[in-house]
Amino acid sequence: MNNNNYFKINLKRWNELVEINSKSKLYDLEEFKSSKTSLLSIELEELGDVKGKSLLHLQCHFGMDTLSWARMGAMVTGVDFSQKAISLAKELSKN
């Protein structure tokens, strides 16, 4: 199998995971939409106050952490190679 096939298989799986993860209790999107953060205490402690800082979040999936940082005042950009994930992140950002 060539590298292009690995990429396609991986992308297909991450696109599938958007729907699976967005409906799971682990991600709990309804709670997140009501201003809950998805960030862990170690992330909050290590980065501290991010207000006004620029952050780049690689492999952001559907953006819960990215949006959590933005809620804390960061100017944050999330990137992901799954267009389905980015589409959901854009939807979530409207809340």
PDB file of N, CA and C in Angstrom:
ATOM      1  N   MET A   1       0.857  -1.185   0.000  1.00  0.00           N
ATOM      2  CA  MET A   1       0.000   0.000   0.000  1.00  0.00           C
ATOM      3  C   MET A   1       0.896   1.238   0.000  1.00  0.00           C
ATOM      4  N   ASN A   2       0.618   2.191  -0.880  1.00  0.00           N
ATOM      5  CA  ASN A   2       1.443   3.395  -0.933  1.00  0.00           C
ATOM      6  C   ASN A   2       0.982   4.429   0.089  1.00  0.00           C
ATOM      7  N   ASN A   3       1.790   5.462   0.273  1.00  0.00           N
ATOM      8  CA  ASN A   3       1.500   6.492   1.276  1.00  0.00           C
ATOM      9  C   ASN A   3       0.173   7.188   1.032  1.00  0.00           C
ATOM     10  N   ASN A   4      -0.205   7.386  -0.216  1.00  0.00           N
ATOM     11  CA  ASN A   4      -1.463   8.050  -0.533  1.00  0.00           C
ATOM     12  C   ASN A   4      -2.649   7.235  -0.005  1.00  0.00           C
ATOM     13  N   ASN A   5      -2.555   5.924  -0.096  1.00  0.00           N
ATOM     14  CA  ASN A   5      -3.629   5.066   0.428  1.00  0.00           C
ATOM     15  C   ASN A   5      -3.729   5.171   1.946  1.00  0.00           C
ATOM     16  N   TYR A   6      -2.594   5.228   2.625  1.00  0.00           N
ATOM     17  CA  TYR A   6      -2.611   5.400   4.080  1.00  0.00           C
ATOM     18  C   TYR A   6      -3.303   6.704   4.455  1.00  0.00           C
ATOM     19  N   PHE A   7      -2.976   7.760   3.726  1.00  0.00           N
ATOM     20  CA  PHE A   7      -3.590   9.064   3.982  1.00  0.00           C
ATOM     21  C   PHE A   7      -5.103   8.988   3.799  1.00  0.00           C
ATOM     22  N   LYS A   8      -5.555   8.394   2.711  1.00  0.00           N
ATOM     23  CA  LYS A   8      -6.988   8.286   2.432  1.00  0.00           C
ATOM     24  C   LYS A   8      -7.712   7.459   3.498  1.00  0.00           C
ATOM     25  N   ILE A   9      -7.101   6.360   3.914  1.00  0.00           N
ATOM     26  CA  ILE A   9      -7.709   5.509   4.945  1.00  0.00           C
ATOM     27  C   ILE A   9      -7.788   6.262   6.270  1.00  0.00           C
ATOM     28  N   ASN A  10      -6.717   6.963   6.611  1.00  0.00           N
ATOM     29  CA  ASN A  10      -6.688   7.721   7.859  1.00  0.00           C
ATOM     30  C   ASN A  10      -7.724   8.846   7.837  1.00  0.00           C
ATOM     31  N   LEU A  11      -7.793   9.570   6.730  1.00  0.00           N
ATOM     32  CA  LEU A  11      -8.775  10.641   6.591  1.00  0.00           C
ATOM     33  C   LEU A  11     -10.194  10.096   6.678  1.00  0.00           C
ATOM     34  N   LYS A  12     -10.455   8.987   6.015  1.00  0.00           N
ATOM     35  CA  LYS A  12     -11.779   8.363   6.072  1.00  0.00           C
ATOM     36  C   LYS A  12     -12.155   8.037   7.517  1.00  0.00           C
ATOM     37  N   ARG A  13     -11.210   7.490   8.263  1.00  0.00           N
ATOM     38  CA  ARG A  13     -11.496   7.128   9.665  1.00  0.00           C
ATOM     39  C   ARG A  13     -11.756   8.360  10.509  1.00  0.00           C
ATOM     40  N   TRP A  14     -10.961   9.415  10.354  1.00  0.00           N
ATOM     41  CA  TRP A  14     -11.186  10.629  11.150  1.00  0.00           C
ATOM     42  C   TRP A  14     -12.506  11.284  10.780  1.00  0.00           C
ATOM     43  N   ASN A  15     -12.889  11.235   9.522  1.00  0.00           N
ATOM     44  CA  ASN A  15     -14.203  11.752   9.133  1.00  0.00           C
ATOM     45  C   ASN A  15     -15.314  10.946   9.799  1.00  0.00           C
ATOM     46  N   GLU A  16     -15.145   9.628   9.885  1.00  0.00           N
ATOM     47  CA  GLU A  16     -16.130   8.784  10.579  1.00  0.00           C
ATOM     48  C   GLU A  16     -16.181   9.120  12.069  1.00  0.00           C
ATOM     49  N   LEU A  17     -15.021   9.385  12.652  1.00  0.00           N
ATOM     50  CA  LEU A  17     -14.956   9.664  14.092  1.00  0.00           C
ATOM     51  C   LEU A  17     -15.625  10.976  14.477  1.00  0.00           C
ATOM     52  N   VAL A  18     -15.733  11.911  13.555  1.00  0.00           N
ATOM     53  CA  VAL A  18     -16.419  13.167  13.863  1.00  0.00           C
ATOM     54  C   VAL A  18     -17.848  12.865  14.307  1.00  0.00           C
ATOM     55  N   GLU A  19     -18.563  12.079  13.540  1.00  0.00           N
ATOM     56  CA  GLU A  19     -19.949  11.752  13.887  1.00  0.00           C
ATOM     57  C   GLU A  19     -20.014  10.917  15.171  1.00  0.00           C
ATOM     58  N   ILE A  20     -19.142   9.937  15.288  1.00  0.00           N
ATOM     59  CA  ILE A  20     -19.131   9.072  16.474  1.00  0.00           C
ATOM     60  C   ILE A  20     -18.814   9.888  17.726  1.00  0.00           C
ATOM     61  N   ASN A  21     -17.727  10.648  17.684  1.00  0.00           N
ATOM     62  CA  ASN A  21     -17.293  11.401  18.860  1.00  0.00           C
ATOM     63  C   ASN A  21     -18.252  12.521  19.225  1.00  0.00           C
ATOM     64  N   SER A  22     -18.827  13.167  18.225  1.00  0.00           N
ATOM     65  CA  SER A  22     -19.716  14.291  18.523  1.00  0.00           C
ATOM     66  C   SER A  22     -20.992  13.845  19.237  1.00  0.00           C
ATOM     67  N   LYS A  23     -21.324  12.575  19.134  1.00  0.00           N
ATOM     68  CA  LYS A  23     -22.519  12.049  19.799  1.00  0.00           C
ATOM     69  C   LYS A  23     -22.202  11.341  21.110  1.00  0.00           C
ATOM     70  N   SER A  24     -20.940  11.250  21.462  1.00  0.00           N
ATOM     71  CA  SER A  24     -20.551  10.474  22.636  1.00  0.00           C
ATOM     72  C   SER A  24     -20.661  11.279  23.934  1.00  0.00           C
ATOM     73  N   LYS A  25     -20.863  10.575  25.013  1.00  0.00           N
ATOM     74  CA  LYS A  25     -20.913  11.196  26.345  1.00  0.00           C
ATOM     75  C   LYS A  25     -19.550  11.772  26.715  1.00  0.00           C
ATOM     76  N   LEU A  26     -18.485  11.153  26.217  1.00  0.00           N
ATOM     77  CA  LEU A  26     -17.132  11.623  26.528  1.00  0.00           C
ATOM     78  C   LEU A  26     -16.940  13.074  26.098  1.00  0.00           C
ATOM     79  N   TYR A  27     -17.415  13.419  24.915  1.00  0.00           N
ATOM     80  CA  TYR A  27     -17.277  14.784  24.418  1.00  0.00           C
ATOM     81  C   TYR A  27     -18.382  15.700  24.931  1.00  0.00           C
ATOM     82  N   ASP A  28     -19.548  15.182  25.184  1.00  0.00           N
ATOM     83  CA  ASP A  28     -20.677  15.906  25.769  1.00  0.00           C
ATOM     84  C   ASP A  28     -20.847  17.313  25.188  1.00  0.00           C
ATOM     85  N   LEU A  29     -21.153  17.355  23.908  1.00  0.00           N
ATOM     86  CA  LEU A  29     -21.261  18.637  23.214  1.00  0.00           C
ATOM     87  C   LEU A  29     -22.330  19.554  23.791  1.00  0.00           C
ATOM     88  N   GLU A  30     -23.416  19.001  24.267  1.00  0.00           N
ATOM     89  CA  GLU A  30     -24.464  19.863  24.836  1.00  0.00           C
ATOM     90  C   GLU A  30     -23.941  20.611  26.057  1.00  0.00           C
ATOM     91  N   GLU A  31     -23.213  19.937  26.903  1.00  0.00           N
ATOM     92  CA  GLU A  31     -22.617  20.599  28.074  1.00  0.00           C
ATOM     93  C   GLU A  31     -21.568  21.625  27.624  1.00  0.00           C
ATOM     94  N   PHE A  32     -20.775  21.244  26.643  1.00  0.00           N
ATOM     95  CA  PHE A  32     -19.755  22.150  26.139  1.00  0.00           C
ATOM     96  C   PHE A  32     -20.377  23.436  25.592  1.00  0.00           C
ATOM     97  N   LYS A  33     -21.478  23.306  24.880  1.00  0.00           N
ATOM     98  CA  LYS A  33     -22.150  24.468  24.308  1.00  0.00           C
ATOM     99  C   LYS A  33     -22.621  25.443  25.379  1.00  0.00           C
ATOM    100  N   SER A  34     -22.865  24.940  26.576  1.00  0.00           N
ATOM    101  CA  SER A  34     -23.310  25.821  27.661  1.00  0.00           C
ATOM    102  C   SER A  34     -22.116  26.378  28.435  1.00  0.00           C
ATOM    103  N   SER A  35     -21.009  26.578  27.723  1.00  0.00           N
ATOM    104  CA  SER A  35     -19.818  27.264  28.231  1.00  0.00           C
ATOM    105  C   SER A  35     -18.888  26.420  29.082  1.00  0.00           C
ATOM    106  N   LYS A  36     -19.051  25.118  29.090  1.00  0.00           N
ATOM    107  CA  LYS A  36     -18.094  24.265  29.790  1.00  0.00           C
ATOM    108  C   LYS A  36     -16.791  24.238  28.996  1.00  0.00           C
ATOM    109  N   THR A  37     -15.680  24.233  29.676  1.00  0.00           N
ATOM    110  CA  THR A  37     -14.401  24.107  29.004  1.00  0.00           C
ATOM    111  C   THR A  37     -14.082  22.631  28.786  1.00  0.00           C
ATOM    112  N   SER A  38     -13.333  22.356  27.767  1.00  0.00           N
ATOM    113  CA  SER A  38     -12.877  20.988  27.522  1.00  0.00           C
ATOM    114  C   SER A  38     -11.429  20.811  27.963  1.00  0.00           C
ATOM    115  N   LEU A  39     -10.842  21.865  28.493  1.00  0.00           N
ATOM    116  CA  LEU A  39      -9.425  21.843  28.837  1.00  0.00           C
ATOM    117  C   LEU A  39      -9.166  21.140  30.166  1.00  0.00           C
ATOM    118  N   LEU A  40      -8.036  20.481  30.242  1.00  0.00           N
ATOM    119  CA  LEU A  40      -7.613  19.800  31.467  1.00  0.00           C
ATOM    120  C   LEU A  40      -6.873  20.781  32.370  1.00  0.00           C
ATOM    121  N   SER A  41      -6.868  20.497  33.646  1.00  0.00           N
ATOM    122  CA  SER A  41      -6.219  21.404  34.601  1.00  0.00           C
ATOM    123  C   SER A  41      -4.740  21.598  34.276  1.00  0.00           C
ATOM    124  N   ILE A  42      -4.060  20.559  33.826  1.00  0.00           N
ATOM    125  CA  ILE A  42      -2.631  20.713  33.506  1.00  0.00           C
ATOM    126  C   ILE A  42      -2.429  21.678  32.336  1.00  0.00           C
ATOM    127  N   GLU A  43      -3.333  21.670  31.368  1.00  0.00           N
ATOM    128  CA  GLU A  43      -3.240  22.606  30.244  1.00  0.00           C
ATOM    129  C   GLU A  43      -3.447  24.033  30.725  1.00  0.00           C
ATOM    130  N   LEU A  44      -4.434  24.220  31.572  1.00  0.00           N
ATOM    131  CA  LEU A  44      -4.725  25.547  32.113  1.00  0.00           C
ATOM    132  C   LEU A  44      -3.570  26.059  32.969  1.00  0.00           C
ATOM    133  N   GLU A  45      -3.006  25.184  33.793  1.00  0.00           N
ATOM    134  CA  GLU A  45      -1.896  25.575  34.668  1.00  0.00           C
ATOM    135  C   GLU A  45      -0.635  25.897  33.873  1.00  0.00           C
ATOM    136  N   GLU A  46      -0.322  25.071  32.887  1.00  0.00           N
ATOM    137  CA  GLU A  46       0.915  25.248  32.127  1.00  0.00           C
ATOM    138  C   GLU A  46       0.879  26.490  31.236  1.00  0.00           C
ATOM    139  N   LEU A  47      -0.261  26.777  30.626  1.00  0.00           N
ATOM    140  CA  LEU A  47      -0.339  27.933  29.742  1.00  0.00           C
ATOM    141  C   LEU A  47      -0.735  29.212  30.459  1.00  0.00           C
ATOM    142  N   GLY A  48      -1.427  29.076  31.568  1.00  0.00           N
ATOM    143  CA  GLY A  48      -1.817  30.262  32.331  1.00  0.00           C
ATOM    144  C   GLY A  48      -2.768  31.153  31.557  1.00  0.00           C
ATOM    145  N   ASP A  49      -2.649  32.454  31.794  1.00  0.00           N
ATOM    146  CA  ASP A  49      -3.525  33.436  31.162  1.00  0.00           C
ATOM    147  C   ASP A  49      -3.178  33.551  29.681  1.00  0.00           C
ATOM    148  N   VAL A  50      -4.141  33.264  28.822  1.00  0.00           N
ATOM    149  CA  VAL A  50      -3.912  33.316  27.371  1.00  0.00           C
ATOM    150  C   VAL A  50      -4.590  34.511  26.710  1.00  0.00           C
ATOM    151  N   LYS A  51      -5.216  35.355  27.506  1.00  0.00           N
ATOM    152  CA  LYS A  51      -5.935  36.491  26.950  1.00  0.00           C
ATOM    153  C   LYS A  51      -5.008  37.329  26.077  1.00  0.00           C
ATOM    154  N   GLY A  52      -5.426  37.528  24.817  1.00  0.00           N
ATOM    155  CA  GLY A  52      -4.657  38.333  23.889  1.00  0.00           C
ATOM    156  C   GLY A  52      -3.517  37.608  23.203  1.00  0.00           C
ATOM    157  N   LYS A  53      -3.253  36.361  23.588  1.00  0.00           N
ATOM    158  CA  LYS A  53      -2.163  35.605  22.969  1.00  0.00           C
ATOM    159  C   LYS A  53      -2.670  34.888  21.723  1.00  0.00           C
ATOM    160  N   SER A  54      -1.775  34.675  20.773  1.00  0.00           N
ATOM    161  CA  SER A  54      -2.095  33.931  19.559  1.00  0.00           C
ATOM    162  C   SER A  54      -1.687  32.476  19.756  1.00  0.00           C
ATOM    163  N   LEU A  55      -2.621  31.575  19.492  1.00  0.00           N
ATOM    164  CA  LEU A  55      -2.353  30.149  19.625  1.00  0.00           C
ATOM    165  C   LEU A  55      -2.710  29.441  18.328  1.00  0.00           C
ATOM    166  N   LEU A  56      -1.963  28.408  18.002  1.00  0.00           N
ATOM    167  CA  LEU A  56      -2.258  27.540  16.879  1.00  0.00           C
ATOM    168  C   LEU A  56      -2.484  26.144  17.430  1.00  0.00           C
ATOM    169  N   HIS A  57      -3.649  25.588  17.182  1.00  0.00           N
ATOM    170  CA  HIS A  57      -3.996  24.264  17.675  1.00  0.00           C
ATOM    171  C   HIS A  57      -4.010  23.291  16.503  1.00  0.00           C
ATOM    172  N   LEU A  58      -2.971  22.464  16.435  1.00  0.00           N
ATOM    173  CA  LEU A  58      -2.865  21.468  15.376  1.00  0.00           C
ATOM    174  C   LEU A  58      -3.731  20.263  15.699  1.00  0.00           C
ATOM    175  N   GLN A  59      -4.291  19.661  14.684  1.00  0.00           N
ATOM    176  CA  GLN A  59      -5.146  18.485  14.834  1.00  0.00           C
ATOM    177  C   GLN A  59      -6.246  18.752  15.864  1.00  0.00           C
ATOM    178  N   CYS A  60      -6.991  19.794  15.627  1.00  0.00           N
ATOM    179  CA  CYS A  60      -7.978  20.259  16.598  1.00  0.00           C
ATOM    180  C   CYS A  60      -9.263  19.429  16.624  1.00  0.00           C
ATOM    181  N   HIS A  61      -9.389  18.451  15.715  1.00  0.00           N
ATOM    182  CA  HIS A  61     -10.600  17.636  15.580  1.00  0.00           C
ATOM    183  C   HIS A  61     -11.769  18.589  15.336  1.00  0.00           C
ATOM    184  N   PHE A  62     -12.792  18.609  16.173  1.00  0.00           N
ATOM    185  CA  PHE A  62     -13.882  19.545  15.900  1.00  0.00           C
ATOM    186  C   PHE A  62     -13.857  20.744  16.840  1.00  0.00           C
ATOM    187  N   GLY A  63     -12.691  21.048  17.354  1.00  0.00           N
ATOM    188  CA  GLY A  63     -12.433  22.355  17.915  1.00  0.00           C
ATOM    189  C   GLY A  63     -12.825  22.657  19.351  1.00  0.00           C
ATOM    190  N   MET A  64     -13.157  21.667  20.142  1.00  0.00           N
ATOM    191  CA  MET A  64     -13.587  21.976  21.509  1.00  0.00           C
ATOM    192  C   MET A  64     -12.488  22.679  22.304  1.00  0.00           C
ATOM    193  N   ASP A  65     -11.273  22.174  22.252  1.00  0.00           N
ATOM    194  CA  ASP A  65     -10.181  22.831  22.974  1.00  0.00           C
ATOM    195  C   ASP A  65      -9.878  24.197  22.356  1.00  0.00           C
ATOM    196  N   THR A  66      -9.892  24.256  21.045  1.00  0.00           N
ATOM    197  CA  THR A  66      -9.646  25.522  20.352  1.00  0.00           C
ATOM    198  C   THR A  66     -10.652  26.576  20.809  1.00  0.00           C
ATOM    199  N   LEU A  67     -11.911  26.191  20.840  1.00  0.00           N
ATOM    200  CA  LEU A  67     -12.958  27.122  21.267  1.00  0.00           C
ATOM    201  C   LEU A  67     -12.855  27.440  22.755  1.00  0.00           C
ATOM    202  N   SER A  68     -12.416  26.488  23.550  1.00  0.00           N
ATOM    203  CA  SER A  68     -12.220  26.747  24.983  1.00  0.00           C
ATOM    204  C   SER A  68     -11.156  27.823  25.191  1.00  0.00           C
ATOM    205  N   TRP A  69     -10.052  27.739  24.424  1.00  0.00           N
ATOM    206  CA  TRP A  69      -9.013  28.771  24.525  1.00  0.00           C
ATOM    207  C   TRP A  69      -9.547  30.119  24.066  1.00  0.00           C
ATOM    208  N   ALA A  70     -10.343  30.110  23.006  1.00  0.00           N
ATOM    209  CA  ALA A  70     -10.931  31.370  22.526  1.00  0.00           C
ATOM    210  C   ALA A  70     -11.855  31.965  23.579  1.00  0.00           C
ATOM    211  N   ARG A  71     -12.606  31.135  24.281  1.00  0.00           N
ATOM    212  CA  ARG A  71     -13.490  31.623  25.348  1.00  0.00           C
ATOM    213  C   ARG A  71     -12.698  32.291  26.465  1.00  0.00           C
ATOM    214  N   MET A  72     -11.419  31.907  26.578  1.00  0.00           N
ATOM    215  CA  MET A  72     -10.556  32.492  27.602  1.00  0.00           C
ATOM    216  C   MET A  72      -9.812  33.716  27.081  1.00  0.00           C
ATOM    217  N   GLY A  73     -10.126  34.142  25.874  1.00  0.00           N
ATOM    218  CA  GLY A  73      -9.556  35.380  25.353  1.00  0.00           C
ATOM    219  C   GLY A  73      -8.392  35.224  24.393  1.00  0.00           C
ATOM    220  N   ALA A  74      -8.027  33.992  24.058  1.00  0.00           N
ATOM    221  CA  ALA A  74      -6.931  33.793  23.105  1.00  0.00           C
ATOM    222  C   ALA A  74      -7.429  34.035  21.687  1.00  0.00           C
ATOM    223  N   MET A  75      -6.514  34.444  20.832  1.00  0.00           N
ATOM    224  CA  MET A  75      -6.776  34.508  19.398  1.00  0.00           C
ATOM    225  C   MET A  75      -6.235  33.190  18.855  1.00  0.00           C
ATOM    226  N   VAL A  76      -7.122  32.244  18.655  1.00  0.00           N
ATOM    227  CA  VAL A  76      -6.680  30.878  18.383  1.00  0.00           C
ATOM    228  C   VAL A  76      -7.188  30.388  17.031  1.00  0.00           C
ATOM    229  N   THR A  77      -6.314  29.674  16.354  1.00  0.00           N
ATOM    230  CA  THR A  77      -6.652  29.052  15.080  1.00  0.00           C
ATOM    231  C   THR A  77      -6.509  27.552  15.233  1.00  0.00           C
ATOM    232  N   GLY A  78      -7.568  26.836  14.902  1.00  0.00           N
ATOM    233  CA  GLY A  78      -7.526  25.379  14.926  1.00  0.00           C
ATOM    234  C   GLY A  78      -7.440  24.848  13.512  1.00  0.00           C
ATOM    235  N   VAL A  79      -6.591  23.853  13.304  1.00  0.00           N
ATOM    236  CA  VAL A  79      -6.471  23.231  11.985  1.00  0.00           C
ATOM    237  C   VAL A  79      -6.632  21.729  12.109  1.00  0.00           C
ATOM    238  N   ASP A  80      -7.212  21.142  11.095  1.00  0.00           N
ATOM    239  CA  ASP A  80      -7.387  19.697  11.047  1.00  0.00           C
ATOM    240  C   ASP A  80      -7.516  19.305   9.585  1.00  0.00           C
ATOM    241  N   PHE A  81      -7.139  18.085   9.244  1.00  0.00           N
ATOM    242  CA  PHE A  81      -7.243  17.679   7.852  1.00  0.00           C
ATOM    243  C   PHE A  81      -8.599  17.077   7.515  1.00  0.00           C
ATOM    244  N   SER A  82      -9.450  16.888   8.501  1.00  0.00           N
ATOM    245  CA  SER A  82     -10.801  16.381   8.270  1.00  0.00           C
ATOM    246  C   SER A  82     -11.755  17.552   8.046  1.00  0.00           C
ATOM    247  N   GLN A  83     -12.267  17.662   6.831  1.00  0.00           N
ATOM    248  CA  GLN A  83     -13.206  18.745   6.530  1.00  0.00           C
ATOM    249  C   GLN A  83     -14.480  18.605   7.358  1.00  0.00           C
ATOM    250  N   LYS A  84     -14.888  17.372   7.659  1.00  0.00           N
ATOM    251  CA  LYS A  84     -16.081  17.174   8.498  1.00  0.00           C
ATOM    252  C   LYS A  84     -15.836  17.733   9.901  1.00  0.00           C
ATOM    253  N   ALA A  85     -14.634  17.551  10.409  1.00  0.00           N
ATOM    254  CA  ALA A  85     -14.302  18.084  11.735  1.00  0.00           C
ATOM    255  C   ALA A  85     -14.317  19.607  11.711  1.00  0.00           C
ATOM    256  N   ILE A  86     -13.727  20.198  10.707  1.00  0.00           N
ATOM    257  CA  ILE A  86     -13.690  21.659  10.603  1.00  0.00           C
ATOM    258  C   ILE A  86     -15.102  22.211  10.446  1.00  0.00           C
ATOM    259  N   SER A  87     -15.940  21.538   9.679  1.00  0.00           N
ATOM    260  CA  SER A  87     -17.330  21.989   9.512  1.00  0.00           C
ATOM    261  C   SER A  87     -18.058  22.011  10.850  1.00  0.00           C
ATOM    262  N   LEU A  88     -17.880  20.967  11.649  1.00  0.00           N
ATOM    263  CA  LEU A  88     -18.521  20.934  12.961  1.00  0.00           C
ATOM    264  C   LEU A  88     -17.921  22.005  13.873  1.00  0.00           C
ATOM    265  N   ALA A  89     -16.625  22.206  13.819  1.00  0.00           N
ATOM    266  CA  ALA A  89     -15.997  23.253  14.625  1.00  0.00           C
ATOM    267  C   ALA A  89     -16.574  24.624  14.286  1.00  0.00           C
ATOM    268  N   LYS A  90     -16.775  24.874  13.009  1.00  0.00           N
ATOM    269  CA  LYS A  90     -17.366  26.153  12.596  1.00  0.00           C
ATOM    270  C   LYS A  90     -18.791  26.296  13.150  1.00  0.00           C
ATOM    271  N   GLU A  91     -19.548  25.208  13.136  1.00  0.00           N
ATOM    272  CA  GLU A  91     -20.896  25.227  13.717  1.00  0.00           C
ATOM    273  C   GLU A  91     -20.842  25.538  15.208  1.00  0.00           C
ATOM    274  N   LEU A  92     -19.937  24.851  15.906  1.00  0.00           N
ATOM    275  CA  LEU A  92     -19.800  25.059  17.353  1.00  0.00           C
ATOM    276  C   LEU A  92     -19.377  26.485  17.679  1.00  0.00           C
ATOM    277  N   SER A  93     -18.592  27.081  16.815  1.00  0.00           N
ATOM    278  CA  SER A  93     -18.094  28.436  17.090  1.00  0.00           C
ATOM    279  C   SER A  93     -19.207  29.473  17.046  1.00  0.00           C
ATOM    280  N   LYS A  94     -20.341  29.126  16.469  1.00  0.00           N
ATOM    281  CA  LYS A  94     -21.460  30.056  16.394  1.00  0.00           C
ATOM    282  C   LYS A  94     -22.248  30.117  17.708  1.00  0.00           C
ATOM    283  N   ASN A  95     -21.997  29.170  18.593  1.00  0.00           N
ATOM    284  CA  ASN A  95     -22.716  29.130  19.885  1.00  0.00           C
ATOM    285  C   ASN A  95     -22.076  30.049  20.896  1.00  0.00           C
TER     286      ASN A  95
END
